[in-house]
Amino acid sequence: MTTRGLEPDRDQIEIFVDAVLRYRGTKGFISLRSFVENDDEAPPYRKLPISLKGDFKFLVDCAVDDARRAAQAPQPVVFAPPLAVFNNKDHAREEDVLAGLVLSVECDRAASLCLYENVRRGCPSITHGAQKAHNSPKGLTRFCSDIARLFRPEALTSRN
């Protein structure tokens, strides 16, 4: 009997890619990356820059292929899905970010204080919410919900 390696679920990857990259535009690059698990010092196991000038099917094909390579690697490898668009194909540093595609908020007290410090200069309503939220769990939940509503998809399309 032949043993097959792990296979990624193409349907799930397609759903994820559609959700995250729906409003990506055609400028820039995404960077598909895989990392050796539990080795923060190792370079990426694999990195593949992909121009956004291609079609959706091509993006999904590349993500499925990279997820498969990570799953079938001889050592434990983590496939990192693309969450930002970069202005070049060579780097994925903070200064290379052309567009952030998702907002990730960790809803605990320390995160709300950090968010408060980072956004207070540009958005007074978020600042006020963050000040109140870090004092109570219920306020923190409401604050995180308010943040999520600010980044609804229709807000993204109106800026393009």
N, C-alpha and C. Protein backbone atom coordinates (compact mmCIF):
# COMPACT_ATOMS: atom_id res chain seq x y z
N MET A 1 0.84 -1.18 0.00
CA MET A 1 0.00 0.00 0.00
C MET A 1 0.89 1.24 0.00
N THR A 2 0.58 2.19 -0.85
CA THR A 2 1.36 3.42 -0.94
C THR A 2 0.78 4.48 -0.02
N THR A 3 1.62 5.19 0.68
CA THR A 3 1.17 6.26 1.55
C THR A 3 1.31 7.59 0.84
N ARG A 4 0.22 8.33 0.77
CA ARG A 4 0.25 9.67 0.17
C ARG A 4 0.50 10.69 1.25
N GLY A 5 1.15 11.77 0.87
CA GLY A 5 1.37 12.85 1.82
C GLY A 5 0.08 13.62 2.07
N LEU A 6 0.16 14.54 2.99
CA LEU A 6 -0.99 15.39 3.28
C LEU A 6 -1.34 16.23 2.06
N GLU A 7 -2.63 16.43 1.85
CA GLU A 7 -3.10 17.25 0.73
C GLU A 7 -3.91 18.43 1.26
N PRO A 8 -3.66 19.62 0.74
CA PRO A 8 -4.46 20.76 1.17
C PRO A 8 -5.88 20.67 0.60
N ASP A 9 -6.81 21.31 1.25
CA ASP A 9 -8.20 21.35 0.80
C ASP A 9 -8.36 22.56 -0.11
N ARG A 10 -8.38 22.32 -1.43
CA ARG A 10 -8.44 23.40 -2.41
C ARG A 10 -9.67 24.29 -2.19
N ASP A 11 -10.81 23.69 -1.89
CA ASP A 11 -12.02 24.49 -1.69
C ASP A 11 -11.85 25.48 -0.54
N GLN A 12 -11.26 25.02 0.55
CA GLN A 12 -11.06 25.91 1.70
C GLN A 12 -10.05 27.01 1.38
N ILE A 13 -9.01 26.67 0.66
CA ILE A 13 -8.02 27.69 0.27
C ILE A 13 -8.67 28.71 -0.66
N GLU A 14 -9.49 28.24 -1.59
CA GLU A 14 -10.17 29.16 -2.51
C GLU A 14 -11.09 30.11 -1.76
N ILE A 15 -11.83 29.59 -0.78
CA ILE A 15 -12.70 30.45 0.04
C ILE A 15 -11.87 31.49 0.78
N PHE A 16 -10.75 31.07 1.36
CA PHE A 16 -9.88 31.99 2.08
C PHE A 16 -9.31 33.06 1.14
N VAL A 17 -8.76 32.63 0.01
CA VAL A 17 -8.16 33.57 -0.94
C VAL A 17 -9.20 34.56 -1.43
N ASP A 18 -10.41 34.08 -1.71
CA ASP A 18 -11.47 34.98 -2.16
C ASP A 18 -11.81 36.00 -1.08
N ALA A 19 -11.92 35.54 0.16
CA ALA A 19 -12.27 36.45 1.25
C ALA A 19 -11.18 37.50 1.50
N VAL A 20 -9.94 37.07 1.51
CA VAL A 20 -8.84 37.99 1.85
C VAL A 20 -8.42 38.86 0.67
N LEU A 21 -8.41 38.29 -0.52
CA LEU A 21 -7.86 39.01 -1.68
C LEU A 21 -8.92 39.61 -2.59
N ARG A 22 -10.17 39.59 -2.19
CA ARG A 22 -11.26 40.08 -3.04
C ARG A 22 -11.03 41.52 -3.49
N TYR A 23 -10.56 42.38 -2.64
CA TYR A 23 -10.40 43.81 -2.95
C TYR A 23 -8.94 44.18 -3.15
N ARG A 24 -8.15 43.27 -3.67
CA ARG A 24 -6.70 43.42 -3.77
C ARG A 24 -6.26 44.40 -4.84
N GLY A 25 -7.05 44.61 -5.88
CA GLY A 25 -6.63 45.43 -7.01
C GLY A 25 -5.65 44.66 -7.88
N THR A 26 -4.97 45.36 -8.78
CA THR A 26 -4.03 44.69 -9.69
C THR A 26 -2.60 45.22 -9.54
N LYS A 27 -2.38 46.10 -8.59
CA LYS A 27 -1.03 46.63 -8.36
C LYS A 27 -0.36 45.86 -7.24
N GLY A 28 0.93 45.62 -7.41
CA GLY A 28 1.72 45.03 -6.35
C GLY A 28 1.83 43.52 -6.42
N PHE A 29 2.32 42.97 -5.31
CA PHE A 29 2.63 41.55 -5.21
C PHE A 29 2.15 41.02 -3.88
N ILE A 30 1.77 39.74 -3.87
CA ILE A 30 1.61 39.05 -2.59
C ILE A 30 2.81 38.13 -2.45
N SER A 31 3.11 37.76 -1.24
CA SER A 31 4.26 36.90 -0.99
C SER A 31 3.79 35.65 -0.26
N LEU A 32 3.75 34.54 -0.98
CA LEU A 32 3.43 33.27 -0.34
C LEU A 32 4.70 32.78 0.35
N ARG A 33 4.58 32.46 1.63
CA ARG A 33 5.75 32.07 2.40
C ARG A 33 5.45 30.86 3.27
N SER A 34 6.46 30.05 3.45
CA SER A 34 6.40 28.91 4.36
C SER A 34 7.64 28.96 5.25
N PHE A 35 7.45 28.55 6.49
CA PHE A 35 8.53 28.62 7.48
C PHE A 35 8.69 27.28 8.18
N VAL A 36 9.93 26.94 8.51
CA VAL A 36 10.19 25.75 9.30
C VAL A 36 9.64 26.03 10.70
N GLU A 37 8.81 25.11 11.18
CA GLU A 37 8.18 25.29 12.48
C GLU A 37 9.23 25.23 13.60
N ASN A 38 9.04 26.07 14.60
CA ASN A 38 9.89 26.11 15.80
C ASN A 38 11.35 26.46 15.51
N ASP A 39 11.60 27.20 14.45
CA ASP A 39 12.96 27.66 14.16
C ASP A 39 12.90 29.11 13.67
N ASP A 40 12.84 30.03 14.63
CA ASP A 40 12.71 31.45 14.31
C ASP A 40 13.93 32.03 13.61
N GLU A 41 15.05 31.35 13.68
CA GLU A 41 16.28 31.84 13.07
C GLU A 41 16.44 31.40 11.61
N ALA A 42 15.72 30.38 11.21
CA ALA A 42 15.86 29.85 9.85
C ALA A 42 15.24 30.80 8.84
N PRO A 43 15.83 30.89 7.66
CA PRO A 43 15.21 31.68 6.59
C PRO A 43 13.91 31.00 6.17
N PRO A 44 13.06 31.70 5.43
CA PRO A 44 11.83 31.04 4.96
C PRO A 44 12.15 29.73 4.24
N TYR A 45 11.35 28.72 4.48
CA TYR A 45 11.50 27.44 3.79
C TYR A 45 11.27 27.65 2.30
N ARG A 46 10.28 28.49 1.99
CA ARG A 46 9.96 28.80 0.60
C ARG A 46 9.28 30.16 0.57
N LYS A 47 9.60 30.96 -0.44
CA LYS A 47 8.86 32.20 -0.64
C LYS A 47 8.67 32.40 -2.14
N LEU A 48 7.45 32.81 -2.47
CA LEU A 48 7.07 32.96 -3.86
C LEU A 48 6.30 34.26 -4.03
N PRO A 49 6.91 35.26 -4.67
CA PRO A 49 6.16 36.49 -4.95
C PRO A 49 5.26 36.29 -6.16
N ILE A 50 4.04 36.80 -6.08
CA ILE A 50 3.09 36.66 -7.17
C ILE A 50 2.52 38.03 -7.51
N SER A 51 2.64 38.41 -8.77
CA SER A 51 2.07 39.67 -9.23
C SER A 51 0.55 39.58 -9.20
N LEU A 52 -0.08 40.67 -8.82
CA LEU A 52 -1.54 40.70 -8.78
C LEU A 52 -2.15 40.98 -10.15
N LYS A 53 -1.33 41.06 -11.17
CA LYS A 53 -1.86 41.25 -12.53
C LYS A 53 -2.48 39.96 -13.07
N GLY A 54 -2.18 38.82 -12.43
CA GLY A 54 -2.74 37.54 -12.86
C GLY A 54 -4.18 37.40 -12.41
N ASP A 55 -4.82 36.30 -12.81
CA ASP A 55 -6.22 36.10 -12.45
C ASP A 55 -6.36 35.35 -11.12
N PHE A 56 -7.59 35.28 -10.65
CA PHE A 56 -7.90 34.67 -9.36
C PHE A 56 -7.51 33.19 -9.32
N LYS A 57 -7.80 32.44 -10.38
CA LYS A 57 -7.48 31.01 -10.41
C LYS A 57 -5.98 30.78 -10.24
N PHE A 58 -5.17 31.64 -10.86
CA PHE A 58 -3.72 31.51 -10.72
C PHE A 58 -3.30 31.71 -9.26
N LEU A 59 -3.87 32.70 -8.58
CA LEU A 59 -3.55 32.92 -7.16
C LEU A 59 -3.90 31.69 -6.32
N VAL A 60 -5.07 31.12 -6.58
CA VAL A 60 -5.49 29.93 -5.83
C VAL A 60 -4.56 28.76 -6.14
N ASP A 61 -4.24 28.57 -7.43
CA ASP A 61 -3.32 27.47 -7.81
C ASP A 61 -1.99 27.59 -7.07
N CYS A 62 -1.46 28.79 -7.01
CA CYS A 62 -0.16 29.01 -6.32
C CYS A 62 -0.28 28.73 -4.83
N ALA A 63 -1.37 29.20 -4.20
CA ALA A 63 -1.55 28.98 -2.76
C ALA A 63 -1.70 27.49 -2.46
N VAL A 64 -2.46 26.77 -3.28
CA VAL A 64 -2.64 25.33 -3.08
C VAL A 64 -1.29 24.61 -3.24
N ASP A 65 -0.55 24.98 -4.26
CA ASP A 65 0.75 24.35 -4.49
C ASP A 65 1.70 24.58 -3.32
N ASP A 66 1.75 25.83 -2.82
CA ASP A 66 2.65 26.11 -1.70
C ASP A 66 2.19 25.41 -0.41
N ALA A 67 0.87 25.35 -0.19
CA ALA A 67 0.36 24.64 0.99
C ALA A 67 0.71 23.15 0.89
N ARG A 68 0.62 22.58 -0.30
CA ARG A 68 0.99 21.17 -0.50
C ARG A 68 2.47 20.96 -0.21
N ARG A 69 3.31 21.84 -0.73
CA ARG A 69 4.75 21.70 -0.50
C ARG A 69 5.07 21.76 0.99
N ALA A 70 4.40 22.65 1.71
CA ALA A 70 4.63 22.76 3.15
C ALA A 70 4.15 21.49 3.86
N ALA A 71 2.98 21.00 3.47
CA ALA A 71 2.42 19.81 4.12
C ALA A 71 3.26 18.56 3.87
N GLN A 72 3.92 18.49 2.72
CA GLN A 72 4.67 17.30 2.38
C GLN A 72 6.18 17.45 2.61
N ALA A 73 6.58 18.53 3.23
CA ALA A 73 8.01 18.74 3.51
C ALA A 73 8.51 17.68 4.50
N PRO A 74 9.78 17.36 4.44
CA PRO A 74 10.32 16.34 5.35
C PRO A 74 10.33 16.78 6.82
N GLN A 75 10.38 18.06 7.09
CA GLN A 75 10.31 18.57 8.45
C GLN A 75 9.01 19.37 8.60
N PRO A 76 8.57 19.66 9.83
CA PRO A 76 7.34 20.44 10.01
C PRO A 76 7.50 21.85 9.44
N VAL A 77 6.64 22.20 8.50
CA VAL A 77 6.68 23.51 7.85
C VAL A 77 5.29 24.14 7.94
N VAL A 78 5.26 25.43 8.22
CA VAL A 78 4.02 26.19 8.34
C VAL A 78 3.85 27.06 7.10
N PHE A 79 2.72 26.93 6.43
CA PHE A 79 2.38 27.78 5.29
C PHE A 79 1.72 29.04 5.83
N ALA A 80 2.26 30.20 5.47
CA ALA A 80 1.72 31.48 5.95
C ALA A 80 0.92 32.14 4.83
N PRO A 81 -0.39 32.23 4.99
CA PRO A 81 -1.21 32.82 3.93
C PRO A 81 -0.91 34.31 3.76
N PRO A 82 -1.10 34.83 2.54
CA PRO A 82 -0.82 36.25 2.28
C PRO A 82 -1.88 37.14 2.90
N LEU A 83 -1.46 38.15 3.65
CA LEU A 83 -2.40 39.06 4.28
C LEU A 83 -2.14 40.51 3.92
N ALA A 84 -1.18 40.75 3.04
CA ALA A 84 -0.86 42.12 2.63
C ALA A 84 -0.38 42.10 1.18
N VAL A 85 -0.45 43.28 0.56
CA VAL A 85 0.08 43.48 -0.79
C VAL A 85 1.35 44.32 -0.64
N PHE A 86 2.39 43.92 -1.36
CA PHE A 86 3.67 44.61 -1.27
C PHE A 86 3.97 45.35 -2.57
N ASN A 87 4.81 46.38 -2.48
CA ASN A 87 5.11 47.22 -3.64
C ASN A 87 6.26 46.67 -4.48
N ASN A 88 6.82 45.53 -4.09
CA ASN A 88 7.90 44.92 -4.86
C ASN A 88 7.88 43.41 -4.64
N LYS A 89 8.59 42.69 -5.51
CA LYS A 89 8.58 41.23 -5.41
C LYS A 89 9.72 40.68 -4.56
N ASP A 90 10.63 41.55 -4.14
CA ASP A 90 11.83 41.07 -3.46
C ASP A 90 11.77 41.08 -1.94
N HIS A 91 10.91 41.92 -1.37
CA HIS A 91 10.87 42.05 0.09
C HIS A 91 9.43 42.09 0.59
N ALA A 92 9.27 41.72 1.85
CA ALA A 92 7.96 41.80 2.50
C ALA A 92 8.13 42.47 3.86
N ARG A 93 8.87 43.59 3.84
CA ARG A 93 9.10 44.33 5.08
C ARG A 93 7.94 45.30 5.31
N GLU A 94 7.88 45.85 6.50
CA GLU A 94 6.82 46.80 6.82
C GLU A 94 6.80 47.97 5.84
N GLU A 95 7.98 48.47 5.48
CA GLU A 95 8.03 49.62 4.57
C GLU A 95 7.65 49.26 3.13
N ASP A 96 7.53 47.97 2.83
CA ASP A 96 7.16 47.52 1.50
C ASP A 96 5.66 47.28 1.34
N VAL A 97 4.90 47.45 2.42
CA VAL A 97 3.46 47.19 2.36
C VAL A 97 2.77 48.27 1.51
N LEU A 98 2.09 47.81 0.48
CA LEU A 98 1.29 48.68 -0.37
C LEU A 98 -0.13 48.77 0.15
N ALA A 99 -0.66 47.64 0.63
CA ALA A 99 -2.02 47.61 1.17
C ALA A 99 -2.14 46.46 2.16
N GLY A 100 -2.79 46.74 3.28
CA GLY A 100 -3.13 45.70 4.24
C GLY A 100 -4.50 45.16 3.86
N LEU A 101 -4.63 43.86 3.80
CA LEU A 101 -5.89 43.26 3.35
C LEU A 101 -6.79 42.83 4.48
N VAL A 102 -6.24 42.70 5.67
CA VAL A 102 -7.04 42.28 6.82
C VAL A 102 -6.65 43.13 8.03
N LEU A 103 -7.54 43.16 8.99
CA LEU A 103 -7.24 43.78 10.27
C LEU A 103 -7.33 42.69 11.31
N SER A 104 -6.26 42.51 12.04
CA SER A 104 -6.23 41.49 13.08
C SER A 104 -6.17 42.20 14.42
N VAL A 105 -7.15 41.93 15.26
CA VAL A 105 -7.21 42.58 16.56
C VAL A 105 -7.25 41.50 17.63
N GLU A 106 -6.29 41.53 18.53
CA GLU A 106 -6.30 40.62 19.67
C GLU A 106 -7.04 41.35 20.78
N CYS A 107 -8.16 40.81 21.17
CA CYS A 107 -9.04 41.52 22.11
C CYS A 107 -8.75 41.15 23.56
N ASP A 108 -7.66 41.66 24.07
CA ASP A 108 -7.39 41.55 25.50
C ASP A 108 -6.94 42.92 25.98
N ARG A 109 -6.73 43.07 27.25
CA ARG A 109 -6.42 44.40 27.80
C ARG A 109 -5.15 45.01 27.21
N ALA A 110 -4.09 44.24 27.12
CA ALA A 110 -2.83 44.77 26.60
C ALA A 110 -2.98 45.18 25.14
N ALA A 111 -3.71 44.38 24.37
CA ALA A 111 -3.90 44.71 22.96
C ALA A 111 -4.72 45.98 22.80
N SER A 112 -5.74 46.16 23.63
CA SER A 112 -6.56 47.37 23.49
C SER A 112 -5.75 48.61 23.83
N LEU A 113 -4.87 48.53 24.82
CA LEU A 113 -4.02 49.66 25.15
C LEU A 113 -3.03 49.96 24.02
N CYS A 114 -2.47 48.90 23.43
CA CYS A 114 -1.56 49.07 22.31
C CYS A 114 -2.29 49.68 21.13
N LEU A 115 -3.49 49.20 20.82
CA LEU A 115 -4.27 49.75 19.73
C LEU A 115 -4.58 51.22 20.01
N TYR A 116 -4.94 51.52 21.24
CA TYR A 116 -5.20 52.90 21.64
C TYR A 116 -4.00 53.80 21.31
N GLU A 117 -2.82 53.36 21.68
CA GLU A 117 -1.62 54.15 21.43
C GLU A 117 -1.34 54.33 19.94
N ASN A 118 -1.64 53.30 19.14
CA ASN A 118 -1.33 53.35 17.72
C ASN A 118 -2.33 54.13 16.88
N VAL A 119 -3.57 54.20 17.32
CA VAL A 119 -4.58 54.86 16.49
C VAL A 119 -5.06 56.20 17.01
N ARG A 120 -4.67 56.58 18.19
CA ARG A 120 -5.23 57.78 18.80
C ARG A 120 -4.96 59.05 18.00
N ARG A 121 -3.87 59.09 17.26
CA ARG A 121 -3.56 60.28 16.48
C ARG A 121 -4.49 60.49 15.30
N GLY A 122 -5.00 59.39 14.73
CA GLY A 122 -5.74 59.53 13.48
C GLY A 122 -7.23 59.34 13.57
N CYS A 123 -7.75 58.81 14.66
CA CYS A 123 -9.17 58.51 14.70
C CYS A 123 -9.71 58.72 16.11
N PRO A 124 -10.26 59.92 16.39
CA PRO A 124 -10.73 60.24 17.75
C PRO A 124 -11.77 59.27 18.28
N SER A 125 -12.68 58.76 17.43
CA SER A 125 -13.72 57.86 17.95
C SER A 125 -13.11 56.53 18.40
N ILE A 126 -12.09 56.06 17.70
CA ILE A 126 -11.42 54.83 18.13
C ILE A 126 -10.69 55.08 19.44
N THR A 127 -10.05 56.24 19.56
CA THR A 127 -9.32 56.58 20.78
C THR A 127 -10.24 56.56 21.99
N HIS A 128 -11.40 57.20 21.87
CA HIS A 128 -12.34 57.25 22.98
C HIS A 128 -12.81 55.84 23.35
N GLY A 129 -13.11 55.02 22.33
CA GLY A 129 -13.54 53.64 22.57
C GLY A 129 -12.47 52.82 23.26
N ALA A 130 -11.23 53.00 22.85
CA ALA A 130 -10.13 52.24 23.44
C ALA A 130 -9.92 52.65 24.89
N GLN A 131 -10.06 53.95 25.19
CA GLN A 131 -9.90 54.41 26.57
C GLN A 131 -10.93 53.75 27.48
N LYS A 132 -12.17 53.71 27.03
CA LYS A 132 -13.24 53.11 27.83
C LYS A 132 -13.11 51.59 27.87
N ALA A 133 -12.72 50.99 26.76
CA ALA A 133 -12.73 49.54 26.64
C ALA A 133 -11.75 48.85 27.57
N HIS A 134 -10.61 49.45 27.79
CA HIS A 134 -9.61 48.71 28.57
C HIS A 134 -9.99 48.63 30.05
N ASN A 135 -11.06 49.30 30.45
CA ASN A 135 -11.50 49.24 31.83
C ASN A 135 -12.51 48.14 32.13
N SER A 136 -13.12 47.52 31.10
CA SER A 136 -14.10 46.48 31.38
C SER A 136 -14.14 45.46 30.24
N PRO A 137 -14.34 44.18 30.57
CA PRO A 137 -14.42 43.15 29.53
C PRO A 137 -15.56 43.41 28.55
N LYS A 138 -16.72 43.86 29.06
CA LYS A 138 -17.86 44.13 28.18
C LYS A 138 -17.54 45.28 27.24
N GLY A 139 -16.90 46.30 27.77
CA GLY A 139 -16.50 47.43 26.92
C GLY A 139 -15.48 47.01 25.88
N LEU A 140 -14.59 46.09 26.23
CA LEU A 140 -13.58 45.62 25.30
C LEU A 140 -14.22 44.85 24.15
N THR A 141 -15.21 44.00 24.46
CA THR A 141 -15.92 43.27 23.41
C THR A 141 -16.62 44.23 22.47
N ARG A 142 -17.28 45.23 23.00
CA ARG A 142 -17.98 46.22 22.18
C ARG A 142 -16.97 46.99 21.33
N PHE A 143 -15.84 47.35 21.90
CA PHE A 143 -14.80 48.07 21.18
C PHE A 143 -14.29 47.26 19.99
N CYS A 144 -14.01 45.96 20.21
CA CYS A 144 -13.53 45.11 19.11
C CYS A 144 -14.57 45.00 18.01
N SER A 145 -15.84 44.92 18.38
CA SER A 145 -16.91 44.87 17.38
C SER A 145 -16.96 46.17 16.59
N ASP A 146 -16.79 47.29 17.26
CA ASP A 146 -16.78 48.59 16.57
C ASP A 146 -15.62 48.68 15.59
N ILE A 147 -14.45 48.20 15.99
CA ILE A 147 -13.29 48.20 15.10
C ILE A 147 -13.59 47.36 13.86
N ALA A 148 -14.16 46.19 14.05
CA ALA A 148 -14.46 45.32 12.91
C ALA A 148 -15.43 45.99 11.95
N ARG A 149 -16.42 46.71 12.47
CA ARG A 149 -17.38 47.40 11.59
C ARG A 149 -16.72 48.49 10.78
N LEU A 150 -15.69 49.12 11.31
CA LEU A 150 -15.00 50.18 10.58
C LEU A 150 -14.33 49.64 9.32
N PHE A 151 -13.98 48.37 9.30
CA PHE A 151 -13.24 47.80 8.19
C PHE A 151 -14.09 46.83 7.37
N ARG A 152 -15.35 47.17 7.18
CA ARG A 152 -16.24 46.34 6.36
C ARG A 152 -15.83 46.45 4.89
N PRO A 153 -16.12 45.45 4.08
CA PRO A 153 -15.69 45.44 2.68
C PRO A 153 -16.15 46.65 1.87
N GLU A 154 -17.39 47.13 2.10
CA GLU A 154 -17.85 48.27 1.32
C GLU A 154 -17.02 49.54 1.58
N ALA A 155 -16.41 49.63 2.76
CA ALA A 155 -15.51 50.76 3.05
C ALA A 155 -14.26 50.68 2.19
N LEU A 156 -13.79 49.47 1.95
CA LEU A 156 -12.60 49.29 1.11
C LEU A 156 -12.87 49.66 -0.34
N THR A 157 -14.02 49.25 -0.86
CA THR A 157 -14.30 49.50 -2.27
C THR A 157 -14.53 50.98 -2.53
N SER A 158 -15.00 51.71 -1.55
CA SER A 158 -15.26 53.13 -1.79
C SER A 158 -13.96 53.93 -1.89
N ARG A 159 -12.83 53.35 -1.40
CA ARG A 159 -11.56 54.07 -1.47
C ARG A 159 -10.81 53.79 -2.76
N ASN A 160 -11.20 52.78 -3.51
CA ASN A 160 -10.45 52.41 -4.73
C ASN A 160 -10.87 53.25 -5.90
